[in-house]
Amino acid sequence: MNKVILLGRLTAKPELRYTSSNTALLRFTVAVNRNFTSADGKREADFINVVAWRKQAETIAKYFDKGNLIAIEGRLQTGSYDDKDGNKRYTTDVALDNFEFVESKSSREKSAGADVNYDEPSPYDYQDSVNVENDPFAEYGDSVSIDDNFLD
């Protein structure tokens, strides 16, 4: 079974692209807070690369902006490519199957207008994870805890 469920905030405004066969493609990064703090009391986040296709890609690009909260269901997908220097690079992305709006429209607009101060990785860098010194989303409310006890 290959299933991923994420709840996080977009690190940048999504930029919709189209393949040569005119299929919508969207690559974006979601910052997901860890549900614990480090020894020095700071919260860390993981930056997860996501790939969406077709109508879902167009919808996310239209309605989501930097800082908006999104729920994602998908699967891990690995791949590789040769960089400009000829080095083999390996990628791990979440291939989006479903997504949900988590905030109201007014909340999304408010969080999109907020000045979020952090250095975001490019969704094209394919970094596995990035540690941040401060929780970049602390101003957005309580931390998110995902609990699967309902499966019992």
N, C-alpha and C. Protein backbone atom coordinates (compact mmCIF):
# COMPACT_ATOMS: atom_id res chain seq x y z
N MET A 1 0.85 -1.17 0.00
CA MET A 1 0.00 0.00 0.00
C MET A 1 0.90 1.24 0.00
N ASN A 2 0.56 2.20 -0.81
CA ASN A 2 1.33 3.44 -0.94
C ASN A 2 0.34 4.59 -0.79
N LYS A 3 0.27 5.17 0.41
CA LYS A 3 -0.70 6.24 0.68
C LYS A 3 -0.06 7.29 1.58
N VAL A 4 -0.27 8.55 1.21
CA VAL A 4 0.26 9.68 1.96
C VAL A 4 -0.88 10.65 2.22
N ILE A 5 -0.99 11.13 3.45
CA ILE A 5 -1.97 12.16 3.80
C ILE A 5 -1.20 13.29 4.48
N LEU A 6 -1.36 14.50 3.96
CA LEU A 6 -0.65 15.67 4.47
C LEU A 6 -1.63 16.79 4.77
N LEU A 7 -1.29 17.56 5.78
CA LEU A 7 -2.01 18.80 6.07
C LEU A 7 -0.94 19.85 6.29
N GLY A 8 -0.89 20.83 5.40
CA GLY A 8 0.16 21.84 5.50
C GLY A 8 -0.18 23.07 4.70
N ARG A 9 0.79 23.98 4.65
CA ARG A 9 0.61 25.26 3.96
C ARG A 9 1.52 25.36 2.75
N LEU A 10 0.98 25.93 1.68
CA LEU A 10 1.77 26.13 0.48
C LEU A 10 2.89 27.11 0.75
N THR A 11 4.09 26.82 0.26
CA THR A 11 5.24 27.69 0.52
C THR A 11 5.37 28.80 -0.51
N ALA A 12 4.64 28.70 -1.61
CA ALA A 12 4.69 29.72 -2.66
C ALA A 12 3.40 29.67 -3.47
N LYS A 13 3.14 30.71 -4.21
CA LYS A 13 1.98 30.71 -5.10
C LYS A 13 2.22 29.65 -6.17
N PRO A 14 1.27 28.74 -6.34
CA PRO A 14 1.46 27.68 -7.35
C PRO A 14 1.47 28.26 -8.76
N GLU A 15 2.36 27.74 -9.59
CA GLU A 15 2.45 28.19 -10.98
C GLU A 15 2.08 27.04 -11.90
N LEU A 16 0.96 27.20 -12.56
CA LEU A 16 0.43 26.18 -13.46
C LEU A 16 1.24 26.16 -14.76
N ARG A 17 1.55 24.96 -15.22
CA ARG A 17 2.25 24.78 -16.49
C ARG A 17 1.49 23.75 -17.31
N TYR A 18 1.81 23.69 -18.56
CA TYR A 18 1.19 22.71 -19.44
C TYR A 18 2.27 21.93 -20.18
N THR A 19 2.04 20.64 -20.33
CA THR A 19 2.97 19.80 -21.08
C THR A 19 2.82 20.10 -22.57
N SER A 20 3.68 19.50 -23.38
CA SER A 20 3.61 19.71 -24.83
C SER A 20 2.29 19.19 -25.41
N SER A 21 1.65 18.26 -24.71
CA SER A 21 0.35 17.75 -25.16
C SER A 21 -0.81 18.50 -24.50
N ASN A 22 -0.51 19.67 -23.92
CA ASN A 22 -1.50 20.57 -23.32
C ASN A 22 -2.21 19.98 -22.09
N THR A 23 -1.49 19.16 -21.30
CA THR A 23 -2.01 18.63 -20.04
C THR A 23 -1.53 19.51 -18.90
N ALA A 24 -2.45 19.95 -18.05
CA ALA A 24 -2.10 20.82 -16.92
C ALA A 24 -1.22 20.07 -15.93
N LEU A 25 -0.16 20.74 -15.47
CA LEU A 25 0.79 20.18 -14.51
C LEU A 25 1.11 21.24 -13.47
N LEU A 26 1.07 20.84 -12.21
CA LEU A 26 1.37 21.77 -11.13
C LEU A 26 2.31 21.10 -10.15
N ARG A 27 3.45 21.72 -9.90
CA ARG A 27 4.39 21.27 -8.87
C ARG A 27 4.39 22.34 -7.79
N PHE A 28 4.22 21.92 -6.54
CA PHE A 28 4.25 22.88 -5.45
C PHE A 28 4.79 22.19 -4.20
N THR A 29 5.12 23.00 -3.22
CA THR A 29 5.67 22.48 -1.97
C THR A 29 4.75 22.84 -0.83
N VAL A 30 4.55 21.88 0.07
CA VAL A 30 3.71 22.06 1.24
C VAL A 30 4.60 21.95 2.48
N ALA A 31 4.52 22.94 3.36
CA ALA A 31 5.25 22.90 4.63
C ALA A 31 4.33 22.25 5.66
N VAL A 32 4.83 21.16 6.25
CA VAL A 32 4.05 20.41 7.22
C VAL A 32 4.79 20.46 8.56
N ASN A 33 4.14 21.06 9.56
CA ASN A 33 4.76 21.14 10.87
C ASN A 33 4.89 19.76 11.49
N ARG A 34 6.00 19.54 12.17
CA ARG A 34 6.14 18.33 12.97
C ARG A 34 5.36 18.54 14.25
N ASN A 35 4.86 17.46 14.85
CA ASN A 35 4.02 17.63 16.04
C ASN A 35 4.81 17.59 17.34
N PHE A 36 6.10 17.91 17.27
CA PHE A 36 6.92 17.99 18.46
C PHE A 36 7.93 19.12 18.27
N THR A 37 8.54 19.53 19.34
CA THR A 37 9.56 20.57 19.27
C THR A 37 10.92 19.94 19.50
N SER A 38 11.95 20.60 19.03
CA SER A 38 13.32 20.12 19.24
C SER A 38 13.73 20.37 20.69
N ALA A 39 14.90 19.92 21.05
CA ALA A 39 15.40 20.07 22.43
C ALA A 39 15.46 21.52 22.86
N ASP A 40 15.68 22.43 21.91
CA ASP A 40 15.74 23.85 22.25
C ASP A 40 14.37 24.53 22.18
N GLY A 41 13.30 23.74 22.04
CA GLY A 41 11.95 24.28 22.09
C GLY A 41 11.42 24.84 20.78
N LYS A 42 12.15 24.62 19.70
CA LYS A 42 11.72 25.15 18.41
C LYS A 42 11.00 24.07 17.60
N ARG A 43 10.00 24.50 16.89
CA ARG A 43 9.24 23.59 16.03
C ARG A 43 9.88 23.55 14.65
N GLU A 44 9.96 22.38 14.08
CA GLU A 44 10.51 22.21 12.75
C GLU A 44 9.39 21.84 11.78
N ALA A 45 9.67 22.02 10.50
CA ALA A 45 8.70 21.66 9.46
C ALA A 45 9.41 20.85 8.39
N ASP A 46 8.66 20.01 7.75
CA ASP A 46 9.16 19.28 6.58
C ASP A 46 8.53 19.92 5.35
N PHE A 47 9.31 20.05 4.30
CA PHE A 47 8.85 20.65 3.06
C PHE A 47 8.69 19.52 2.04
N ILE A 48 7.44 19.25 1.69
CA ILE A 48 7.10 18.10 0.86
C ILE A 48 6.70 18.56 -0.54
N ASN A 49 7.34 18.00 -1.55
CA ASN A 49 7.03 18.33 -2.95
C ASN A 49 5.82 17.52 -3.40
N VAL A 50 4.91 18.20 -4.08
CA VAL A 50 3.66 17.59 -4.55
C VAL A 50 3.51 17.86 -6.04
N VAL A 51 2.98 16.87 -6.75
CA VAL A 51 2.71 17.01 -8.19
C VAL A 51 1.23 16.75 -8.41
N ALA A 52 0.55 17.68 -9.09
CA ALA A 52 -0.87 17.53 -9.43
C ALA A 52 -1.03 17.65 -10.94
N TRP A 53 -2.03 16.97 -11.47
CA TRP A 53 -2.28 16.95 -12.90
C TRP A 53 -3.71 17.37 -13.24
N ARG A 54 -3.91 17.79 -14.44
CA ARG A 54 -5.20 18.05 -15.07
C ARG A 54 -6.07 19.02 -14.27
N LYS A 55 -7.34 18.68 -14.08
CA LYS A 55 -8.32 19.58 -13.45
C LYS A 55 -7.92 19.93 -12.01
N GLN A 56 -7.38 18.96 -11.27
CA GLN A 56 -6.96 19.25 -9.90
C GLN A 56 -5.84 20.29 -9.90
N ALA A 57 -4.91 20.18 -10.84
CA ALA A 57 -3.82 21.16 -10.95
C ALA A 57 -4.39 22.55 -11.23
N GLU A 58 -5.34 22.63 -12.15
CA GLU A 58 -5.94 23.92 -12.50
C GLU A 58 -6.72 24.51 -11.32
N THR A 59 -7.42 23.68 -10.57
CA THR A 59 -8.20 24.16 -9.43
C THR A 59 -7.30 24.68 -8.32
N ILE A 60 -6.25 23.96 -8.00
CA ILE A 60 -5.32 24.40 -6.95
C ILE A 60 -4.66 25.71 -7.37
N ALA A 61 -4.22 25.80 -8.61
CA ALA A 61 -3.58 27.03 -9.10
C ALA A 61 -4.54 28.22 -9.03
N LYS A 62 -5.81 27.97 -9.27
CA LYS A 62 -6.80 29.05 -9.28
C LYS A 62 -7.17 29.52 -7.88
N TYR A 63 -7.31 28.60 -6.92
CA TYR A 63 -7.88 28.95 -5.63
C TYR A 63 -6.90 29.00 -4.46
N PHE A 64 -5.68 28.55 -4.65
CA PHE A 64 -4.72 28.52 -3.54
C PHE A 64 -3.59 29.50 -3.80
N ASP A 65 -3.02 30.00 -2.70
CA ASP A 65 -1.92 30.95 -2.77
C ASP A 65 -0.92 30.59 -1.67
N LYS A 66 0.19 31.27 -1.66
CA LYS A 66 1.22 31.06 -0.64
C LYS A 66 0.60 31.22 0.75
N GLY A 67 0.87 30.26 1.64
CA GLY A 67 0.40 30.33 3.01
C GLY A 67 -0.93 29.66 3.24
N ASN A 68 -1.67 29.29 2.18
CA ASN A 68 -2.97 28.64 2.36
C ASN A 68 -2.81 27.22 2.85
N LEU A 69 -3.73 26.81 3.72
CA LEU A 69 -3.75 25.47 4.28
C LEU A 69 -4.47 24.53 3.31
N ILE A 70 -3.87 23.35 3.09
CA ILE A 70 -4.44 22.37 2.16
C ILE A 70 -4.28 20.97 2.74
N ALA A 71 -5.27 20.14 2.52
CA ALA A 71 -5.19 18.72 2.89
C ALA A 71 -4.98 17.94 1.59
N ILE A 72 -4.01 17.04 1.63
CA ILE A 72 -3.62 16.30 0.43
C ILE A 72 -3.64 14.80 0.71
N GLU A 73 -4.17 14.07 -0.24
CA GLU A 73 -4.08 12.61 -0.23
C GLU A 73 -3.41 12.20 -1.53
N GLY A 74 -2.42 11.34 -1.42
CA GLY A 74 -1.72 10.92 -2.62
C GLY A 74 -0.86 9.71 -2.35
N ARG A 75 0.14 9.54 -3.20
CA ARG A 75 1.05 8.41 -3.07
C ARG A 75 2.47 8.89 -3.34
N LEU A 76 3.45 8.23 -2.72
CA LEU A 76 4.84 8.56 -2.99
C LEU A 76 5.21 8.09 -4.38
N GLN A 77 5.97 8.92 -5.04
CA GLN A 77 6.41 8.61 -6.40
C GLN A 77 7.88 8.98 -6.50
N THR A 78 8.71 8.08 -6.95
CA THR A 78 10.14 8.36 -7.07
C THR A 78 10.51 8.44 -8.55
N GLY A 79 11.60 9.11 -8.80
CA GLY A 79 12.09 9.24 -10.16
C GLY A 79 13.53 9.71 -10.15
N SER A 80 14.07 9.96 -11.32
CA SER A 80 15.43 10.47 -11.42
C SER A 80 15.57 11.28 -12.70
N TYR A 81 16.58 12.12 -12.71
CA TYR A 81 16.90 12.91 -13.89
C TYR A 81 18.37 13.27 -13.83
N ASP A 82 18.94 13.71 -14.95
CA ASP A 82 20.32 14.17 -15.00
C ASP A 82 20.30 15.69 -14.95
N ASP A 83 21.04 16.26 -13.98
CA ASP A 83 21.07 17.72 -13.86
C ASP A 83 21.93 18.32 -14.96
N LYS A 84 22.05 19.65 -14.94
CA LYS A 84 22.77 20.35 -16.01
C LYS A 84 24.24 19.98 -16.08
N ASP A 85 24.79 19.45 -14.95
CA ASP A 85 26.19 19.02 -14.92
C ASP A 85 26.35 17.54 -15.24
N GLY A 86 25.25 16.88 -15.58
CA GLY A 86 25.31 15.46 -15.93
C GLY A 86 25.24 14.52 -14.74
N ASN A 87 24.99 15.06 -13.54
CA ASN A 87 24.88 14.22 -12.34
C ASN A 87 23.47 13.65 -12.23
N LYS A 88 23.37 12.41 -11.81
CA LYS A 88 22.07 11.76 -11.62
C LYS A 88 21.47 12.28 -10.32
N ARG A 89 20.24 12.77 -10.39
CA ARG A 89 19.50 13.26 -9.22
C ARG A 89 18.27 12.40 -9.04
N TYR A 90 17.98 12.07 -7.79
CA TYR A 90 16.82 11.25 -7.48
C TYR A 90 15.75 12.11 -6.83
N THR A 91 14.50 11.84 -7.16
CA THR A 91 13.40 12.66 -6.67
C THR A 91 12.40 11.81 -5.90
N THR A 92 11.75 12.44 -4.95
CA THR A 92 10.62 11.84 -4.25
C THR A 92 9.55 12.91 -4.15
N ASP A 93 8.38 12.64 -4.70
CA ASP A 93 7.27 13.57 -4.69
C ASP A 93 6.03 12.84 -4.20
N VAL A 94 5.04 13.61 -3.79
CA VAL A 94 3.72 13.07 -3.54
C VAL A 94 2.90 13.34 -4.79
N ALA A 95 2.43 12.27 -5.43
CA ALA A 95 1.55 12.39 -6.58
C ALA A 95 0.14 12.55 -6.03
N LEU A 96 -0.47 13.70 -6.26
CA LEU A 96 -1.76 14.03 -5.68
C LEU A 96 -2.88 13.20 -6.28
N ASP A 97 -3.68 12.58 -5.41
CA ASP A 97 -4.89 11.88 -5.84
C ASP A 97 -6.12 12.72 -5.52
N ASN A 98 -6.16 13.30 -4.32
CA ASN A 98 -7.28 14.13 -3.87
C ASN A 98 -6.75 15.28 -3.02
N PHE A 99 -7.50 16.35 -2.94
CA PHE A 99 -7.17 17.44 -2.04
C PHE A 99 -8.46 18.02 -1.50
N GLU A 100 -8.35 18.75 -0.40
CA GLU A 100 -9.51 19.42 0.18
C GLU A 100 -9.14 20.81 0.65
N PHE A 101 -10.09 21.72 0.52
CA PHE A 101 -9.98 23.04 1.11
C PHE A 101 -10.14 22.86 2.62
N VAL A 102 -9.28 23.46 3.40
CA VAL A 102 -9.35 23.31 4.86
C VAL A 102 -9.83 24.61 5.50
N GLU A 103 -9.58 25.72 4.84
CA GLU A 103 -9.95 27.04 5.36
C GLU A 103 -11.11 27.60 4.54
N SER A 104 -11.81 28.53 5.14
CA SER A 104 -12.84 29.25 4.40
C SER A 104 -12.16 30.16 3.37
N LYS A 105 -12.91 30.65 2.43
CA LYS A 105 -12.36 31.54 1.41
C LYS A 105 -11.74 32.78 2.05
N SER A 106 -12.42 33.36 3.05
CA SER A 106 -11.89 34.57 3.69
C SER A 106 -10.60 34.27 4.45
N SER A 107 -10.52 33.10 5.09
CA SER A 107 -9.29 32.71 5.78
C SER A 107 -8.15 32.49 4.80
N ARG A 108 -8.46 31.87 3.65
CA ARG A 108 -7.43 31.65 2.62
C ARG A 108 -6.91 32.98 2.12
N GLU A 109 -7.82 33.93 1.88
CA GLU A 109 -7.40 35.24 1.38
C GLU A 109 -6.56 35.97 2.42
N LYS A 110 -6.93 35.84 3.69
CA LYS A 110 -6.18 36.49 4.76
C LYS A 110 -4.79 35.89 4.88
N SER A 111 -4.68 34.56 4.87
CA SER A 111 -3.37 33.93 5.02
C SER A 111 -2.51 34.17 3.79
N ALA A 112 -3.13 34.29 2.62
CA ALA A 112 -2.38 34.56 1.39
C ALA A 112 -1.79 35.96 1.43
N GLY A 113 -2.45 36.89 2.10
CA GLY A 113 -1.95 38.26 2.18
C GLY A 113 -0.95 38.47 3.28
N ALA A 114 -0.78 37.49 4.17
CA ALA A 114 0.14 37.63 5.29
C ALA A 114 1.58 37.59 4.79
N ASP A 115 2.44 38.32 5.48
CA ASP A 115 3.85 38.34 5.14
C ASP A 115 4.54 37.21 5.89
N VAL A 116 4.73 36.08 5.23
CA VAL A 116 5.38 34.93 5.84
C VAL A 116 6.87 35.08 5.61
N ASN A 117 7.65 35.06 6.67
CA ASN A 117 9.08 35.30 6.57
C ASN A 117 9.85 34.01 6.78
N TYR A 118 10.19 33.34 5.70
CA TYR A 118 11.04 32.17 5.76
C TYR A 118 11.59 31.91 4.37
N ASP A 119 12.67 31.18 4.32
CA ASP A 119 13.26 30.83 3.03
C ASP A 119 12.66 29.51 2.59
N GLU A 120 11.95 29.56 1.51
CA GLU A 120 11.27 28.36 1.03
C GLU A 120 12.14 27.66 -0.01
N PRO A 121 12.15 26.34 0.00
CA PRO A 121 12.86 25.64 -1.06
C PRO A 121 12.03 25.67 -2.34
N SER A 122 12.69 25.65 -3.45
CA SER A 122 11.96 25.57 -4.71
C SER A 122 11.40 24.17 -4.88
N PRO A 123 10.18 24.05 -5.41
CA PRO A 123 9.65 22.71 -5.64
C PRO A 123 10.47 21.94 -6.67
N TYR A 124 11.37 22.63 -7.35
CA TYR A 124 12.18 21.97 -8.36
C TYR A 124 13.55 21.57 -7.82
N ASP A 125 13.84 21.90 -6.56
CA ASP A 125 15.10 21.50 -5.94
C ASP A 125 15.07 20.06 -5.47
N TYR A 126 13.88 19.53 -5.22
CA TYR A 126 13.69 18.16 -4.77
C TYR A 126 14.48 17.85 -3.51
N GLN A 127 14.43 18.77 -2.55
CA GLN A 127 15.07 18.51 -1.27
C GLN A 127 14.19 17.57 -0.47
N ASP A 128 14.81 16.62 0.23
CA ASP A 128 14.03 15.68 1.02
C ASP A 128 13.34 16.38 2.17
N SER A 129 14.06 17.20 2.91
CA SER A 129 13.45 17.98 3.98
C SER A 129 14.38 19.12 4.33
N VAL A 130 13.83 20.14 4.93
CA VAL A 130 14.59 21.30 5.32
C VAL A 130 14.21 21.64 6.75
N ASN A 131 15.19 21.85 7.61
CA ASN A 131 14.90 22.27 8.98
C ASN A 131 14.86 23.78 9.02
N VAL A 132 13.92 24.31 9.74
CA VAL A 132 13.84 25.76 9.91
C VAL A 132 14.04 26.07 11.38
N GLU A 133 14.60 27.23 11.67
CA GLU A 133 14.85 27.58 13.06
C GLU A 133 13.58 27.95 13.80
N ASN A 134 12.67 28.56 13.12
CA ASN A 134 11.41 28.96 13.75
C ASN A 134 10.25 28.39 12.96
N ASP A 135 9.16 28.17 13.61
CA ASP A 135 7.97 27.67 12.94
C ASP A 135 7.44 28.79 12.05
N PRO A 136 7.51 28.64 10.71
CA PRO A 136 7.08 29.72 9.84
C PRO A 136 5.58 29.96 9.86
N PHE A 137 4.81 29.06 10.47
CA PHE A 137 3.37 29.19 10.48
C PHE A 137 2.82 29.38 11.89
N ALA A 138 3.66 29.76 12.83
CA ALA A 138 3.22 29.92 14.22
C ALA A 138 2.11 30.95 14.33
N GLU A 139 2.14 31.96 13.46
CA GLU A 139 1.13 33.01 13.54
C GLU A 139 -0.24 32.55 13.04
N TYR A 140 -0.33 31.36 12.48
CA TYR A 140 -1.58 30.88 11.92
C TYR A 140 -2.40 30.05 12.91
N GLY A 141 -1.94 29.91 14.13
CA GLY A 141 -2.75 29.18 15.11
C GLY A 141 -2.00 28.00 15.69
N ASP A 142 -2.76 27.10 16.30
CA ASP A 142 -2.18 25.95 16.97
C ASP A 142 -1.55 25.00 15.97
N SER A 143 -0.66 24.15 16.48
CA SER A 143 -0.05 23.15 15.63
C SER A 143 -1.09 22.11 15.22
N VAL A 144 -0.77 21.40 14.18
CA VAL A 144 -1.68 20.39 13.66
C VAL A 144 -1.19 19.03 14.14
N SER A 145 -2.10 18.25 14.68
CA SER A 145 -1.78 16.90 15.10
C SER A 145 -2.66 15.94 14.32
N ILE A 146 -2.03 15.04 13.61
CA ILE A 146 -2.79 14.06 12.84
C ILE A 146 -2.79 12.76 13.62
N ASP A 147 -3.97 12.29 13.96
CA ASP A 147 -4.13 11.13 14.82
C ASP A 147 -4.90 10.06 14.06
N ASP A 148 -4.33 8.86 13.98
CA ASP A 148 -5.03 7.79 13.27
C ASP A 148 -5.73 6.82 14.21
N ASN A 149 -6.01 7.24 15.44
CA ASN A 149 -6.70 6.36 16.38
C ASN A 149 -8.10 5.99 15.92
N PHE A 150 -8.67 6.80 15.02
CA PHE A 150 -10.02 6.49 14.56
C PHE A 150 -10.04 5.19 13.74
N LEU A 151 -8.86 4.71 13.35
CA LEU A 151 -8.79 3.48 12.56
C LEU A 151 -8.96 2.23 13.43
N ASP A 152 -8.82 2.38 14.73
CA ASP A 152 -8.92 1.21 15.63
C ASP A 152 -10.32 0.68 15.74
